[in-house]
């Protein structure tokens, strides 16, 4: 079964966020705004801090777009705090880190490496109704690009706000969109 267009499944996870005590996040907390679930294999690793730092550089802009970011690994919230407190790159990050040591989120989003206990490197964009609109998954050695993620979210938000319009390849905010119709078939 495809995950695009499906509603996120129930979950309850303990989060760590800079400047806050530990707190609970559920599927109900996510509804009503856009959300990014940014899965990565593990704290204290190699590619993960580089892409999390890259995402952190887009966080203020994503917040202005009414998007919350949740970094997720199968580590505990305690491990997330320790990583935040000891890493220069991670120490700058302001978005919440969800502990998924019971693998509920990784299984819900179908990114758990069974037998290994780690999540794949995967990103999910969820709309305010809790519906998954975008998914990206890469092999462990390939980091993601937060600029491209932000572009895709802008496109998804545009399409949601403008029914009947679609965003072509490499669409940037303010660029022309398309209104699919039989008149366009074979002419693009």
N, C-alpha and C. Protein backbone atom coordinates (compact mmCIF):
# COMPACT_ATOMS: atom_id res chain seq x y z
N UNK A 1 0.83 -1.17 0.00
CA UNK A 1 0.00 0.00 0.00
C UNK A 1 0.88 1.25 0.00
N UNK A 2 0.55 2.23 -0.81
CA UNK A 2 1.30 3.47 -0.85
C UNK A 2 1.01 4.32 0.37
N UNK A 3 2.00 5.10 0.78
CA UNK A 3 1.83 5.92 1.98
C UNK A 3 1.37 7.34 1.63
N UNK A 4 1.64 7.81 0.42
CA UNK A 4 1.19 9.13 0.00
C UNK A 4 -0.35 9.13 -0.01
N UNK A 5 -0.95 10.14 0.60
CA UNK A 5 -2.40 10.23 0.66
C UNK A 5 -3.02 9.52 1.85
N UNK A 6 -2.19 8.80 2.62
CA UNK A 6 -2.73 8.14 3.82
C UNK A 6 -2.62 9.07 5.02
N UNK A 7 -3.45 8.81 6.01
CA UNK A 7 -3.45 9.60 7.24
C UNK A 7 -2.46 9.00 8.21
N UNK A 8 -1.74 9.87 8.93
CA UNK A 8 -0.77 9.35 9.90
C UNK A 8 -1.50 8.53 10.96
N UNK A 9 -0.82 7.51 11.44
CA UNK A 9 -1.38 6.62 12.44
C UNK A 9 -1.14 7.19 13.85
N UNK A 10 -1.94 6.74 14.80
CA UNK A 10 -1.78 7.23 16.18
C UNK A 10 -0.38 6.94 16.73
N UNK A 11 0.15 7.91 17.48
CA UNK A 11 1.43 7.73 18.15
C UNK A 11 1.49 8.65 19.36
N UNK A 12 2.40 8.32 20.25
CA UNK A 12 2.71 9.15 21.41
C UNK A 12 4.21 9.01 21.62
N UNK A 13 4.95 10.12 21.55
CA UNK A 13 6.40 10.08 21.70
C UNK A 13 6.85 11.18 22.64
N UNK A 14 7.94 10.91 23.35
CA UNK A 14 8.53 11.93 24.21
C UNK A 14 9.54 12.71 23.39
N UNK A 15 9.45 14.04 23.48
CA UNK A 15 10.31 14.93 22.70
C UNK A 15 11.30 15.65 23.58
N UNK A 16 12.44 15.96 22.97
CA UNK A 16 13.38 16.90 23.54
C UNK A 16 13.45 18.11 22.61
N UNK A 17 13.41 19.31 23.18
CA UNK A 17 13.57 20.52 22.40
C UNK A 17 14.38 21.51 23.23
N UNK A 18 15.32 22.17 22.59
CA UNK A 18 16.17 23.14 23.29
C UNK A 18 15.33 24.14 24.06
N UNK A 19 15.71 24.38 25.31
CA UNK A 19 15.04 25.38 26.11
C UNK A 19 13.74 24.93 26.74
N UNK A 20 13.36 23.67 26.55
CA UNK A 20 12.12 23.16 27.12
C UNK A 20 12.40 21.88 27.88
N UNK A 21 11.51 21.57 28.79
CA UNK A 21 11.57 20.26 29.43
C UNK A 21 11.13 19.22 28.41
N UNK A 22 11.30 17.95 28.74
CA UNK A 22 10.76 16.89 27.90
C UNK A 22 9.25 17.04 27.86
N UNK A 23 8.65 16.70 26.71
CA UNK A 23 7.20 16.81 26.58
C UNK A 23 6.71 15.75 25.60
N UNK A 24 5.42 15.48 25.69
CA UNK A 24 4.81 14.46 24.85
C UNK A 24 4.27 15.10 23.56
N UNK A 25 4.40 14.37 22.46
CA UNK A 25 3.83 14.76 21.17
C UNK A 25 3.01 13.57 20.68
N UNK A 26 1.78 13.84 20.25
CA UNK A 26 0.91 12.80 19.71
C UNK A 26 0.48 13.16 18.30
N UNK A 27 -0.16 12.23 17.65
CA UNK A 27 -0.70 12.49 16.31
C UNK A 27 -1.71 13.63 16.35
N UNK A 28 -2.44 13.77 17.45
CA UNK A 28 -3.42 14.86 17.57
C UNK A 28 -2.74 16.23 17.64
N UNK A 29 -1.55 16.28 18.23
CA UNK A 29 -0.81 17.54 18.33
C UNK A 29 -0.35 18.04 16.96
N UNK A 30 -0.19 17.13 16.03
CA UNK A 30 0.33 17.46 14.71
C UNK A 30 -0.75 18.08 13.82
N UNK A 31 -1.99 17.69 14.05
CA UNK A 31 -3.08 18.16 13.18
C UNK A 31 -3.31 19.65 13.33
N UNK A 32 -3.70 20.29 12.24
CA UNK A 32 -3.99 21.71 12.25
C UNK A 32 -2.89 22.57 11.66
N UNK A 33 -1.72 21.97 11.42
CA UNK A 33 -0.64 22.70 10.75
C UNK A 33 0.18 21.70 9.94
N UNK A 34 1.04 22.20 9.12
CA UNK A 34 1.92 21.33 8.34
C UNK A 34 3.01 20.78 9.26
N UNK A 35 3.45 19.56 8.98
CA UNK A 35 4.50 18.94 9.80
C UNK A 35 5.47 18.18 8.91
N UNK A 36 6.72 18.19 9.32
CA UNK A 36 7.77 17.39 8.68
C UNK A 36 8.25 16.38 9.71
N UNK A 37 8.22 15.10 9.34
CA UNK A 37 8.82 14.04 10.14
C UNK A 37 10.11 13.67 9.44
N UNK A 38 11.22 13.99 10.07
CA UNK A 38 12.55 13.86 9.48
C UNK A 38 13.28 12.72 10.18
N UNK A 39 13.12 11.51 9.64
CA UNK A 39 13.73 10.31 10.22
C UNK A 39 15.20 10.23 9.84
N UNK A 40 16.01 9.81 10.80
CA UNK A 40 17.43 9.58 10.55
C UNK A 40 17.85 8.36 11.37
N UNK A 41 18.92 7.67 10.97
CA UNK A 41 19.28 6.42 11.64
C UNK A 41 19.61 6.53 13.12
N UNK A 42 20.50 7.46 13.52
CA UNK A 42 20.91 7.45 14.92
C UNK A 42 21.63 8.74 15.31
N UNK A 43 21.53 9.07 16.60
CA UNK A 43 22.32 10.17 17.16
C UNK A 43 23.80 9.78 17.14
N UNK A 44 24.66 10.77 17.25
CA UNK A 44 26.11 10.59 17.34
C UNK A 44 26.67 9.86 16.12
N UNK A 45 26.17 10.20 14.93
CA UNK A 45 26.63 9.54 13.71
C UNK A 45 27.26 10.57 12.77
N UNK A 46 27.32 10.27 11.47
CA UNK A 46 28.15 11.02 10.54
C UNK A 46 27.35 11.93 9.61
N UNK A 47 26.52 11.38 8.77
CA UNK A 47 25.72 12.17 7.83
C UNK A 47 24.61 12.91 8.57
N UNK A 48 24.03 12.27 9.57
CA UNK A 48 22.87 12.82 10.28
C UNK A 48 23.07 14.25 10.79
N UNK A 49 24.18 14.56 11.47
CA UNK A 49 24.30 15.93 11.96
C UNK A 49 24.41 16.96 10.85
N UNK A 50 24.98 16.57 9.71
CA UNK A 50 25.11 17.52 8.61
C UNK A 50 23.74 17.87 8.03
N UNK A 51 22.89 16.87 7.87
CA UNK A 51 21.58 17.17 7.30
C UNK A 51 20.64 17.80 8.32
N UNK A 52 20.77 17.46 9.58
CA UNK A 52 19.97 18.12 10.61
C UNK A 52 20.37 19.59 10.74
N UNK A 53 21.66 19.89 10.65
CA UNK A 53 22.11 21.28 10.67
C UNK A 53 21.56 22.03 9.46
N UNK A 54 21.59 21.39 8.30
CA UNK A 54 21.04 21.99 7.08
C UNK A 54 19.55 22.30 7.26
N UNK A 55 18.83 21.37 7.83
CA UNK A 55 17.41 21.58 8.10
C UNK A 55 17.21 22.71 9.11
N UNK A 56 18.07 22.78 10.09
CA UNK A 56 17.99 23.84 11.09
C UNK A 56 18.13 25.22 10.48
N UNK A 57 18.89 25.33 9.41
CA UNK A 57 19.06 26.62 8.73
C UNK A 57 17.77 27.07 8.03
N UNK A 58 16.85 26.16 7.79
CA UNK A 58 15.57 26.48 7.16
C UNK A 58 14.43 26.58 8.18
N UNK A 59 14.72 26.27 9.44
CA UNK A 59 13.66 26.14 10.44
C UNK A 59 12.86 27.42 10.64
N UNK A 60 13.50 28.56 10.73
CA UNK A 60 12.76 29.82 10.93
C UNK A 60 11.82 30.09 9.77
N UNK A 61 12.29 29.84 8.55
CA UNK A 61 11.43 30.03 7.38
C UNK A 61 10.27 29.04 7.40
N UNK A 62 10.53 27.79 7.75
CA UNK A 62 9.46 26.79 7.81
C UNK A 62 8.43 27.16 8.87
N UNK A 63 8.88 27.69 9.99
CA UNK A 63 7.95 28.13 11.03
C UNK A 63 7.04 29.24 10.50
N UNK A 64 7.60 30.17 9.72
CA UNK A 64 6.79 31.24 9.12
C UNK A 64 5.76 30.68 8.14
N UNK A 65 6.05 29.50 7.59
CA UNK A 65 5.13 28.83 6.65
C UNK A 65 4.13 27.94 7.41
N UNK A 66 4.10 28.03 8.74
CA UNK A 66 3.24 27.23 9.60
C UNK A 66 3.57 25.74 9.51
N UNK A 67 4.87 25.45 9.48
CA UNK A 67 5.36 24.07 9.41
C UNK A 67 6.17 23.79 10.68
N UNK A 68 5.85 22.68 11.35
CA UNK A 68 6.66 22.22 12.47
C UNK A 68 7.51 21.06 11.99
N UNK A 69 8.73 21.01 12.46
CA UNK A 69 9.68 19.95 12.11
C UNK A 69 9.86 19.05 13.32
N UNK A 70 9.81 17.74 13.07
CA UNK A 70 10.09 16.75 14.11
C UNK A 70 11.21 15.85 13.60
N UNK A 71 12.38 15.94 14.24
CA UNK A 71 13.46 15.02 13.93
C UNK A 71 13.15 13.73 14.69
N UNK A 72 13.31 12.59 14.03
CA UNK A 72 12.93 11.32 14.66
C UNK A 72 14.01 10.27 14.43
N UNK A 73 14.47 9.66 15.51
CA UNK A 73 15.30 8.47 15.41
C UNK A 73 14.84 7.49 16.48
N UNK A 74 15.37 6.30 16.43
CA UNK A 74 14.98 5.29 17.42
C UNK A 74 15.75 5.44 18.73
N UNK A 75 16.49 6.53 18.86
CA UNK A 75 17.14 6.85 20.13
C UNK A 75 16.10 7.36 21.13
N UNK A 76 16.48 7.49 22.39
CA UNK A 76 15.58 8.03 23.41
C UNK A 76 15.67 9.56 23.44
N UNK A 77 14.72 10.17 24.09
CA UNK A 77 14.76 11.61 24.29
C UNK A 77 15.97 12.01 25.13
N UNK A 78 16.43 11.13 26.00
CA UNK A 78 17.63 11.40 26.80
C UNK A 78 18.86 11.47 25.89
N UNK A 79 18.94 10.55 24.94
CA UNK A 79 20.05 10.56 24.00
C UNK A 79 20.02 11.83 23.15
N UNK A 80 18.82 12.25 22.73
CA UNK A 80 18.70 13.49 21.96
C UNK A 80 19.24 14.67 22.76
N UNK A 81 18.89 14.73 24.04
CA UNK A 81 19.37 15.83 24.88
C UNK A 81 20.89 15.77 25.02
N UNK A 82 21.44 14.60 25.24
CA UNK A 82 22.89 14.46 25.38
C UNK A 82 23.60 14.88 24.10
N UNK A 83 23.04 14.51 22.95
CA UNK A 83 23.65 14.89 21.67
C UNK A 83 23.58 16.40 21.51
N UNK A 84 22.44 16.98 21.84
CA UNK A 84 22.26 18.44 21.75
C UNK A 84 23.28 19.16 22.64
N UNK A 85 23.51 18.60 23.83
CA UNK A 85 24.40 19.25 24.80
C UNK A 85 25.88 19.08 24.48
N UNK A 86 26.23 18.14 23.60
CA UNK A 86 27.65 17.85 23.34
C UNK A 86 28.10 18.12 21.91
N UNK A 87 27.19 18.42 21.01
CA UNK A 87 27.55 18.63 19.60
C UNK A 87 27.31 20.09 19.20
N UNK A 88 28.31 20.72 18.62
CA UNK A 88 28.15 22.10 18.16
C UNK A 88 27.05 22.21 17.11
N UNK A 89 27.01 21.28 16.16
CA UNK A 89 25.99 21.32 15.10
C UNK A 89 24.59 21.11 15.66
N UNK A 90 24.41 20.09 16.47
CA UNK A 90 23.10 19.76 17.01
C UNK A 90 22.68 20.77 18.08
N UNK A 91 23.64 21.32 18.79
CA UNK A 91 23.35 22.28 19.84
C UNK A 91 22.68 23.55 19.36
N UNK A 92 22.78 23.85 18.07
CA UNK A 92 22.15 25.05 17.49
C UNK A 92 20.68 24.83 17.14
N UNK A 93 20.24 23.59 17.09
CA UNK A 93 18.92 23.26 16.54
C UNK A 93 17.80 23.56 17.52
N UNK A 94 16.71 24.11 16.99
CA UNK A 94 15.59 24.55 17.81
C UNK A 94 14.35 23.68 17.67
N UNK A 95 14.29 22.78 16.68
CA UNK A 95 13.09 21.97 16.49
C UNK A 95 13.11 20.76 17.43
N UNK A 96 11.93 20.17 17.68
CA UNK A 96 11.85 19.02 18.59
C UNK A 96 12.44 17.74 17.98
N UNK A 97 13.04 16.95 18.84
CA UNK A 97 13.55 15.62 18.49
C UNK A 97 12.66 14.61 19.21
N UNK A 98 12.07 13.69 18.47
CA UNK A 98 11.20 12.67 19.06
C UNK A 98 11.98 11.39 19.30
N UNK A 99 11.84 10.85 20.51
CA UNK A 99 12.42 9.55 20.83
C UNK A 99 11.47 8.45 20.37
N UNK A 100 11.98 7.50 19.64
CA UNK A 100 11.16 6.41 19.10
C UNK A 100 11.78 5.05 19.43
N UNK A 101 12.20 4.89 20.68
CA UNK A 101 12.87 3.66 21.06
C UNK A 101 11.97 2.43 20.98
N UNK A 102 10.65 2.62 21.00
CA UNK A 102 9.73 1.49 20.84
C UNK A 102 9.35 1.25 19.38
N UNK A 103 9.88 2.06 18.48
CA UNK A 103 9.73 1.90 17.03
C UNK A 103 8.32 2.13 16.50
N UNK A 104 7.48 2.78 17.28
CA UNK A 104 6.10 3.03 16.84
C UNK A 104 6.08 3.93 15.61
N UNK A 105 6.76 5.07 15.66
CA UNK A 105 6.77 5.99 14.52
C UNK A 105 7.45 5.37 13.30
N UNK A 106 8.59 4.74 13.51
CA UNK A 106 9.31 4.12 12.39
C UNK A 106 8.45 3.05 11.70
N UNK A 107 7.70 2.30 12.48
CA UNK A 107 6.79 1.30 11.89
C UNK A 107 5.59 1.99 11.23
N UNK A 108 5.02 3.01 11.90
CA UNK A 108 3.87 3.72 11.33
C UNK A 108 4.19 4.30 9.95
N UNK A 109 5.40 4.81 9.80
CA UNK A 109 5.81 5.41 8.53
C UNK A 109 6.55 4.41 7.64
N UNK A 110 6.65 3.17 8.08
CA UNK A 110 7.26 2.07 7.32
C UNK A 110 8.72 2.34 6.94
N UNK A 111 9.51 2.83 7.92
CA UNK A 111 10.92 3.10 7.66
C UNK A 111 11.84 2.36 8.64
N UNK A 112 11.29 1.44 9.44
CA UNK A 112 12.11 0.71 10.40
C UNK A 112 12.89 -0.39 9.71
N UNK A 113 14.18 -0.44 9.97
CA UNK A 113 15.01 -1.56 9.49
C UNK A 113 14.87 -2.67 10.52
N UNK A 114 13.96 -3.59 10.26
CA UNK A 114 13.70 -4.70 11.18
C UNK A 114 14.99 -5.48 11.42
N UNK A 115 15.19 -5.89 12.63
CA UNK A 115 16.39 -6.65 12.99
C UNK A 115 17.59 -5.77 13.27
N UNK A 116 17.52 -4.50 12.87
CA UNK A 116 18.61 -3.56 13.10
C UNK A 116 18.20 -2.54 14.17
N UNK A 117 16.91 -2.19 14.17
CA UNK A 117 16.40 -1.26 15.16
C UNK A 117 16.62 0.20 14.84
N UNK A 118 16.99 0.51 13.61
CA UNK A 118 17.21 1.88 13.18
C UNK A 118 16.20 2.28 12.12
N UNK A 119 15.93 3.58 12.04
CA UNK A 119 15.06 4.09 10.98
C UNK A 119 15.89 4.39 9.74
N UNK A 120 15.27 4.22 8.59
CA UNK A 120 15.90 4.67 7.35
C UNK A 120 15.93 6.18 7.32
N UNK A 121 16.74 6.73 6.43
CA UNK A 121 16.82 8.17 6.21
C UNK A 121 15.61 8.53 5.34
N UNK A 122 14.58 9.14 5.95
CA UNK A 122 13.34 9.41 5.23
C UNK A 122 12.67 10.67 5.75
N UNK A 123 11.98 11.36 4.86
CA UNK A 123 11.27 12.59 5.20
C UNK A 123 9.83 12.47 4.76
N UNK A 124 8.91 12.90 5.63
CA UNK A 124 7.48 12.91 5.32
C UNK A 124 6.93 14.29 5.61
N UNK A 125 6.15 14.82 4.67
CA UNK A 125 5.46 16.10 4.88
C UNK A 125 3.99 15.77 5.04
N UNK A 126 3.43 16.23 6.16
CA UNK A 126 2.05 15.94 6.52
C UNK A 126 1.26 17.25 6.51
N UNK A 127 0.10 17.24 5.86
CA UNK A 127 -0.71 18.46 5.79
C UNK A 127 -1.51 18.66 7.08
N UNK A 128 -2.22 19.78 7.21
CA UNK A 128 -2.95 20.06 8.45
C UNK A 128 -4.06 19.05 8.78
N UNK A 129 -4.47 18.24 7.82
CA UNK A 129 -5.47 17.21 8.07
C UNK A 129 -4.83 15.89 8.51
N UNK A 130 -3.50 15.86 8.61
CA UNK A 130 -2.81 14.64 9.01
C UNK A 130 -2.55 13.69 7.85
N UNK A 131 -2.64 14.19 6.62
CA UNK A 131 -2.46 13.37 5.42
C UNK A 131 -1.04 13.56 4.88
N UNK A 132 -0.38 12.45 4.59
CA UNK A 132 0.98 12.50 4.06
C UNK A 132 0.93 12.94 2.59
N UNK A 133 1.61 14.07 2.31
CA UNK A 133 1.62 14.64 0.97
C UNK A 133 2.93 14.42 0.23
N UNK A 134 4.03 14.32 0.95
CA UNK A 134 5.36 14.18 0.33
C UNK A 134 6.14 13.16 1.12
N UNK A 135 6.92 12.36 0.40
CA UNK A 135 7.80 11.39 1.04
C UNK A 135 9.09 11.32 0.26
N UNK A 136 10.21 11.29 0.97
CA UNK A 136 11.52 11.10 0.34
C UNK A 136 12.30 10.12 1.19
N UNK A 137 12.97 9.17 0.54
CA UNK A 137 13.77 8.20 1.27
C UNK A 137 15.06 7.98 0.51
N UNK A 138 16.18 7.99 1.23
CA UNK A 138 17.47 7.79 0.59
C UNK A 138 18.24 6.69 1.32
N UNK A 139 19.28 6.21 0.66
CA UNK A 139 20.14 5.23 1.32
C UNK A 139 20.92 5.94 2.43
N UNK A 140 21.51 5.17 3.31
CA UNK A 140 22.14 5.72 4.50
C UNK A 140 23.26 6.71 4.18
N UNK A 141 23.97 6.53 3.09
CA UNK A 141 25.11 7.38 2.78
C UNK A 141 24.77 8.67 2.04
N UNK A 142 23.49 8.91 1.75
CA UNK A 142 23.11 10.09 0.97
C UNK A 142 22.25 11.02 1.82
N UNK A 143 22.79 12.20 2.13
CA UNK A 143 22.06 13.18 2.92
C UNK A 143 21.05 13.95 2.08
N UNK A 144 20.08 14.53 2.76
CA UNK A 144 19.01 15.27 2.09
C UNK A 144 19.32 16.76 2.02
N UNK A 145 18.51 17.48 1.24
CA UNK A 145 18.71 18.91 0.99
C UNK A 145 17.50 19.67 1.52
N UNK A 146 17.69 20.48 2.55
CA UNK A 146 16.58 21.21 3.17
C UNK A 146 16.01 22.29 2.26
N UNK A 147 16.81 22.86 1.37
CA UNK A 147 16.27 23.84 0.42
C UNK A 147 15.24 23.18 -0.49
N UNK A 148 15.55 21.98 -0.96
CA UNK A 148 14.62 21.26 -1.83
C UNK A 148 13.36 20.86 -1.05
N UNK A 149 13.53 20.47 0.20
CA UNK A 149 12.37 20.15 1.03
C UNK A 149 11.47 21.37 1.16
N UNK A 150 12.04 22.53 1.45
CA UNK A 150 11.25 23.75 1.59
C UNK A 150 10.51 24.08 0.29
N UNK A 151 11.19 23.89 -0.85
CA UNK A 151 10.55 24.13 -2.15
C UNK A 151 9.34 23.21 -2.34
N UNK A 152 9.50 21.94 -1.99
CA UNK A 152 8.41 20.99 -2.14
C UNK A 152 7.23 21.33 -1.23
N UNK A 153 7.53 21.78 -0.01
CA UNK A 153 6.45 22.17 0.91
C UNK A 153 5.70 23.37 0.36
N UNK A 154 6.42 24.35 -0.17
CA UNK A 154 5.77 25.51 -0.78
C UNK A 154 4.84 25.07 -1.91
N UNK A 155 5.31 24.13 -2.72
CA UNK A 155 4.48 23.62 -3.82
C UNK A 155 3.24 22.91 -3.28
N UNK A 156 3.40 22.07 -2.26
CA UNK A 156 2.26 21.36 -1.68
C UNK A 156 1.27 22.34 -1.06
N UNK A 157 1.76 23.37 -0.41
CA UNK A 157 0.88 24.37 0.17
C UNK A 157 0.15 25.15 -0.93
N UNK A 158 0.84 25.43 -2.02
CA UNK A 158 0.21 26.14 -3.14
C UNK A 158 -0.92 25.30 -3.73
N UNK A 159 -0.64 24.03 -3.98
CA UNK A 159 -1.64 23.13 -4.57
C UNK A 159 -2.85 23.00 -3.65
N UNK A 160 -2.61 22.90 -2.35
CA UNK A 160 -3.72 22.81 -1.39
C UNK A 160 -4.57 24.08 -1.42
N UNK A 161 -3.93 25.24 -1.52
CA UNK A 161 -4.65 26.52 -1.50
C UNK A 161 -5.27 26.88 -2.84
N UNK A 162 -4.86 26.19 -3.90
CA UNK A 162 -5.32 26.51 -5.25
C UNK A 162 -5.80 25.25 -5.96
N UNK A 163 -6.98 24.74 -5.59
CA UNK A 163 -7.49 23.51 -6.23
C UNK A 163 -7.55 23.69 -7.75
N UNK A 164 -7.20 22.63 -8.44
CA UNK A 164 -7.21 22.67 -9.90
C UNK A 164 -5.89 23.11 -10.50
N UNK A 165 -4.92 23.48 -9.67
CA UNK A 165 -3.59 23.88 -10.13
C UNK A 165 -2.58 22.83 -9.70
N UNK A 166 -1.54 22.65 -10.50
CA UNK A 166 -0.43 21.77 -10.16
C UNK A 166 0.87 22.50 -10.43
N UNK A 167 1.91 22.08 -9.75
CA UNK A 167 3.22 22.71 -9.89
C UNK A 167 4.13 21.82 -10.73
N UNK A 168 4.64 22.34 -11.85
CA UNK A 168 5.51 21.53 -12.70
C UNK A 168 6.89 21.32 -12.07
N UNK A 169 7.71 20.54 -12.73
CA UNK A 169 9.07 20.25 -12.26
C UNK A 169 9.84 21.54 -12.00
N UNK A 170 10.62 21.54 -10.93
CA UNK A 170 11.48 22.66 -10.56
C UNK A 170 10.71 23.95 -10.28
N UNK A 171 9.41 23.82 -9.99
CA UNK A 171 8.59 25.00 -9.70
C UNK A 171 9.17 25.74 -8.51
N UNK A 172 9.20 27.04 -8.61
CA UNK A 172 9.59 27.92 -7.52
C UNK A 172 8.44 28.85 -7.23
N UNK A 173 8.32 29.29 -5.99
CA UNK A 173 7.25 30.18 -5.58
C UNK A 173 7.20 31.39 -6.52
N UNK A 174 6.00 31.68 -7.03
CA UNK A 174 5.80 32.78 -7.96
C UNK A 174 5.87 32.38 -9.42
N UNK A 175 6.35 31.18 -9.69
CA UNK A 175 6.43 30.70 -11.08
C UNK A 175 5.06 30.26 -11.56
N UNK A 176 4.95 30.06 -12.87
CA UNK A 176 3.70 29.60 -13.46
C UNK A 176 3.37 28.19 -13.00
N UNK A 177 2.09 27.94 -12.87
CA UNK A 177 1.59 26.61 -12.55
C UNK A 177 0.78 26.12 -13.74
N UNK A 178 0.24 24.94 -13.63
CA UNK A 178 -0.57 24.36 -14.70
C UNK A 178 -1.97 24.04 -14.17
N UNK A 179 -2.94 24.14 -15.05
CA UNK A 179 -4.30 23.68 -14.77
C UNK A 179 -4.54 22.48 -15.68
N UNK A 180 -4.41 21.27 -15.15
CA UNK A 180 -4.54 20.09 -15.99
C UNK A 180 -5.87 20.06 -16.73
N UNK A 181 -5.82 19.75 -18.01
CA UNK A 181 -7.03 19.62 -18.84
C UNK A 181 -6.67 18.81 -20.07
N UNK A 182 -7.68 18.36 -20.76
CA UNK A 182 -7.46 17.61 -22.00
C UNK A 182 -6.76 18.46 -23.05
N UNK A 183 -6.92 19.78 -22.99
CA UNK A 183 -6.27 20.66 -23.93
C UNK A 183 -4.74 20.63 -23.83
N UNK A 184 -4.21 20.23 -22.67
CA UNK A 184 -2.76 20.19 -22.47
C UNK A 184 -2.14 18.86 -22.84
N UNK A 185 -2.94 17.82 -23.00
CA UNK A 185 -2.41 16.48 -23.27
C UNK A 185 -1.59 16.52 -24.57
N UNK A 186 -0.34 16.09 -24.45
CA UNK A 186 0.55 16.03 -25.60
C UNK A 186 1.12 17.37 -26.03
N UNK A 187 0.86 18.45 -25.30
CA UNK A 187 1.34 19.76 -25.70
C UNK A 187 2.38 20.32 -24.74
N UNK A 188 2.74 19.58 -23.74
CA UNK A 188 3.74 20.05 -22.78
C UNK A 188 5.05 19.37 -23.05
